[in-house]
């Protein structure tokens, strides 16, 4: 779905989310960046957004991952 969002978005911001606990956050960020590159869209920034305290994780690794992507 990120590819479609990047292709449909004028320069601006995309909020990408993933709530699968088994997905490694660092690998997920690499996939976001690689997807943008493959679409020919430049990301001027990738900002990780931490979940609020009301979205706890038992093992200190919250399943919810969010990233604010600035698309040029």
N, C-alpha and C. Protein backbone atom coordinates (compact mmCIF):
# COMPACT_ATOMS: atom_id res chain seq x y z
N UNK A 1 0.81 -1.19 0.00
CA UNK A 1 0.00 0.00 0.00
C UNK A 1 0.86 1.26 0.00
N UNK A 2 2.07 1.16 0.52
CA UNK A 2 2.93 2.34 0.53
C UNK A 2 3.25 2.79 -0.88
N UNK A 3 3.51 1.86 -1.77
CA UNK A 3 3.83 2.22 -3.16
C UNK A 3 2.69 3.04 -3.76
N UNK A 4 1.46 2.60 -3.58
CA UNK A 4 0.31 3.34 -4.11
C UNK A 4 0.19 4.72 -3.47
N UNK A 5 0.42 4.80 -2.17
CA UNK A 5 0.34 6.09 -1.48
C UNK A 5 1.42 7.04 -2.00
N UNK A 6 2.63 6.54 -2.20
CA UNK A 6 3.71 7.39 -2.70
C UNK A 6 3.43 7.88 -4.12
N UNK A 7 2.89 7.01 -4.95
CA UNK A 7 2.60 7.39 -6.33
C UNK A 7 1.43 8.37 -6.43
N UNK A 8 0.52 8.32 -5.45
CA UNK A 8 -0.67 9.18 -5.49
C UNK A 8 -0.49 10.49 -4.72
N UNK A 9 0.61 10.63 -4.00
CA UNK A 9 0.81 11.79 -3.14
C UNK A 9 1.64 12.86 -3.83
N UNK A 10 1.12 14.08 -3.82
CA UNK A 10 1.93 15.21 -4.25
C UNK A 10 2.99 15.41 -3.18
N UNK A 11 4.00 16.24 -3.43
CA UNK A 11 4.96 16.47 -2.36
C UNK A 11 4.24 16.82 -1.06
N UNK A 12 4.63 16.13 0.00
CA UNK A 12 3.97 16.32 1.29
C UNK A 12 4.38 15.25 2.26
N UNK A 13 3.44 14.81 3.10
CA UNK A 13 3.74 13.87 4.18
C UNK A 13 2.86 12.64 4.06
N UNK A 14 3.48 11.48 4.28
CA UNK A 14 2.76 10.20 4.37
C UNK A 14 3.07 9.62 5.74
N UNK A 15 2.03 9.19 6.46
CA UNK A 15 2.23 8.50 7.73
C UNK A 15 2.11 7.01 7.46
N UNK A 16 3.22 6.29 7.59
CA UNK A 16 3.23 4.86 7.36
C UNK A 16 3.12 4.16 8.71
N UNK A 17 2.31 3.10 8.76
CA UNK A 17 2.15 2.35 10.00
C UNK A 17 2.27 0.86 9.75
N UNK A 18 2.63 0.15 10.81
CA UNK A 18 2.72 -1.31 10.77
C UNK A 18 2.46 -1.78 12.20
N UNK A 19 1.56 -2.73 12.36
CA UNK A 19 1.28 -3.20 13.71
C UNK A 19 1.53 -4.69 13.88
N UNK A 20 2.39 -5.25 13.06
CA UNK A 20 2.77 -6.66 13.18
C UNK A 20 3.98 -6.76 14.11
N UNK A 21 3.79 -7.41 15.24
CA UNK A 21 4.86 -7.51 16.24
C UNK A 21 6.09 -8.21 15.71
N UNK A 22 5.93 -9.13 14.78
CA UNK A 22 7.06 -9.92 14.29
C UNK A 22 7.97 -9.13 13.33
N UNK A 23 7.53 -7.97 12.89
CA UNK A 23 8.32 -7.16 11.95
C UNK A 23 9.34 -6.32 12.71
N UNK A 24 10.61 -6.47 12.35
CA UNK A 24 11.69 -5.71 12.97
C UNK A 24 11.58 -4.24 12.54
N UNK A 25 11.58 -3.31 13.50
CA UNK A 25 11.43 -1.89 13.16
C UNK A 25 12.50 -1.37 12.20
N UNK A 26 13.76 -1.78 12.39
CA UNK A 26 14.83 -1.29 11.50
C UNK A 26 14.65 -1.82 10.09
N UNK A 27 14.29 -3.07 9.96
CA UNK A 27 14.05 -3.64 8.63
C UNK A 27 12.85 -2.97 7.97
N UNK A 28 11.82 -2.69 8.74
CA UNK A 28 10.63 -2.01 8.21
C UNK A 28 11.01 -0.63 7.65
N UNK A 29 11.84 0.11 8.37
CA UNK A 29 12.29 1.42 7.88
C UNK A 29 13.09 1.29 6.59
N UNK A 30 13.91 0.25 6.51
CA UNK A 30 14.67 0.01 5.26
C UNK A 30 13.71 -0.28 4.11
N UNK A 31 12.67 -1.04 4.36
CA UNK A 31 11.68 -1.35 3.32
C UNK A 31 10.96 -0.08 2.87
N UNK A 32 10.62 0.79 3.80
CA UNK A 32 9.96 2.06 3.43
C UNK A 32 10.86 2.88 2.50
N UNK A 33 12.12 2.99 2.87
CA UNK A 33 13.07 3.78 2.07
C UNK A 33 13.29 3.14 0.70
N UNK A 34 13.45 1.82 0.69
CA UNK A 34 13.67 1.12 -0.58
C UNK A 34 12.45 1.24 -1.50
N UNK A 35 11.25 1.17 -0.92
CA UNK A 35 10.03 1.30 -1.71
C UNK A 35 9.96 2.67 -2.36
N UNK A 36 10.29 3.70 -1.61
CA UNK A 36 10.29 5.06 -2.17
C UNK A 36 11.30 5.18 -3.31
N UNK A 37 12.49 4.62 -3.12
CA UNK A 37 13.51 4.66 -4.16
C UNK A 37 13.01 3.97 -5.43
N UNK A 38 12.40 2.79 -5.28
CA UNK A 38 11.91 2.04 -6.44
C UNK A 38 10.79 2.79 -7.16
N UNK A 39 10.03 3.61 -6.43
CA UNK A 39 8.94 4.41 -7.03
C UNK A 39 9.46 5.69 -7.66
N UNK A 40 10.74 5.97 -7.44
CA UNK A 40 11.29 7.21 -7.96
C UNK A 40 10.88 8.42 -7.16
N UNK A 41 10.52 8.22 -5.89
CA UNK A 41 10.12 9.33 -5.02
C UNK A 41 11.21 9.55 -3.99
N UNK A 42 11.63 10.78 -3.85
CA UNK A 42 12.66 11.12 -2.88
C UNK A 42 12.02 11.40 -1.52
N UNK A 43 12.64 10.87 -0.48
CA UNK A 43 12.21 11.16 0.89
C UNK A 43 13.22 12.12 1.48
N UNK A 44 12.78 13.32 1.84
CA UNK A 44 13.72 14.27 2.44
C UNK A 44 13.90 14.00 3.93
N UNK A 45 12.94 13.28 4.54
CA UNK A 45 13.13 12.88 5.93
C UNK A 45 12.24 11.69 6.25
N UNK A 46 12.71 10.90 7.20
CA UNK A 46 11.96 9.77 7.75
C UNK A 46 12.04 9.93 9.26
N UNK A 47 10.91 10.20 9.89
CA UNK A 47 10.88 10.44 11.33
C UNK A 47 10.06 9.34 12.00
N UNK A 48 10.68 8.60 12.90
CA UNK A 48 9.97 7.57 13.66
C UNK A 48 9.06 8.26 14.68
N UNK A 49 7.82 7.81 14.73
CA UNK A 49 6.84 8.33 15.70
C UNK A 49 6.59 7.21 16.71
N UNK A 50 6.96 7.46 17.95
CA UNK A 50 6.80 6.45 19.00
C UNK A 50 5.34 6.37 19.44
N UNK A 51 4.85 5.16 19.73
CA UNK A 51 3.48 5.04 20.22
C UNK A 51 3.32 5.69 21.60
N UNK A 52 2.13 6.17 21.86
CA UNK A 52 1.83 6.78 23.15
C UNK A 52 1.80 5.72 24.25
N UNK A 53 1.82 6.15 25.48
CA UNK A 53 1.84 5.25 26.63
C UNK A 53 0.61 4.37 26.72
N UNK A 54 -0.49 4.79 26.09
CA UNK A 54 -1.71 3.97 26.15
C UNK A 54 -1.69 2.82 25.13
N UNK A 55 -0.54 2.63 24.46
CA UNK A 55 -0.36 1.50 23.55
C UNK A 55 0.86 0.71 24.02
N UNK A 56 0.72 0.04 25.18
CA UNK A 56 1.87 -0.61 25.81
C UNK A 56 2.29 -1.89 25.10
N UNK A 57 3.49 -2.32 25.43
CA UNK A 57 4.02 -3.59 24.94
C UNK A 57 4.58 -4.35 26.13
N UNK A 58 4.29 -5.60 26.21
CA UNK A 58 4.75 -6.42 27.33
C UNK A 58 6.27 -6.53 27.34
N UNK A 59 6.89 -6.66 26.17
CA UNK A 59 8.33 -6.90 26.08
C UNK A 59 9.14 -5.66 25.68
N UNK A 60 8.60 -4.48 25.89
CA UNK A 60 9.27 -3.22 25.54
C UNK A 60 9.54 -3.08 24.04
N UNK A 61 8.86 -3.87 23.23
CA UNK A 61 8.96 -3.76 21.77
C UNK A 61 7.54 -3.63 21.23
N UNK A 62 6.99 -2.41 21.25
CA UNK A 62 5.60 -2.22 20.83
C UNK A 62 5.38 -2.73 19.40
N UNK A 63 4.27 -3.43 19.18
CA UNK A 63 4.00 -3.91 17.83
C UNK A 63 3.71 -2.76 16.87
N UNK A 64 3.17 -1.65 17.38
CA UNK A 64 2.83 -0.53 16.51
C UNK A 64 4.09 0.25 16.15
N UNK A 65 4.31 0.36 14.85
CA UNK A 65 5.43 1.15 14.33
C UNK A 65 4.84 2.23 13.43
N UNK A 66 5.33 3.45 13.56
CA UNK A 66 4.86 4.57 12.75
C UNK A 66 6.05 5.38 12.26
N UNK A 67 5.94 5.87 11.04
CA UNK A 67 7.00 6.72 10.49
C UNK A 67 6.35 7.83 9.66
N UNK A 68 6.84 9.03 9.87
CA UNK A 68 6.39 10.19 9.10
C UNK A 68 7.38 10.39 7.96
N UNK A 69 6.89 10.24 6.74
CA UNK A 69 7.74 10.33 5.56
C UNK A 69 7.48 11.66 4.85
N UNK A 70 8.52 12.47 4.69
CA UNK A 70 8.40 13.72 3.92
C UNK A 70 8.76 13.36 2.48
N UNK A 71 7.76 13.44 1.59
CA UNK A 71 7.92 13.07 0.19
C UNK A 71 8.15 14.32 -0.64
N UNK A 72 9.23 14.31 -1.41
CA UNK A 72 9.53 15.46 -2.31
C UNK A 72 8.93 15.21 -3.68
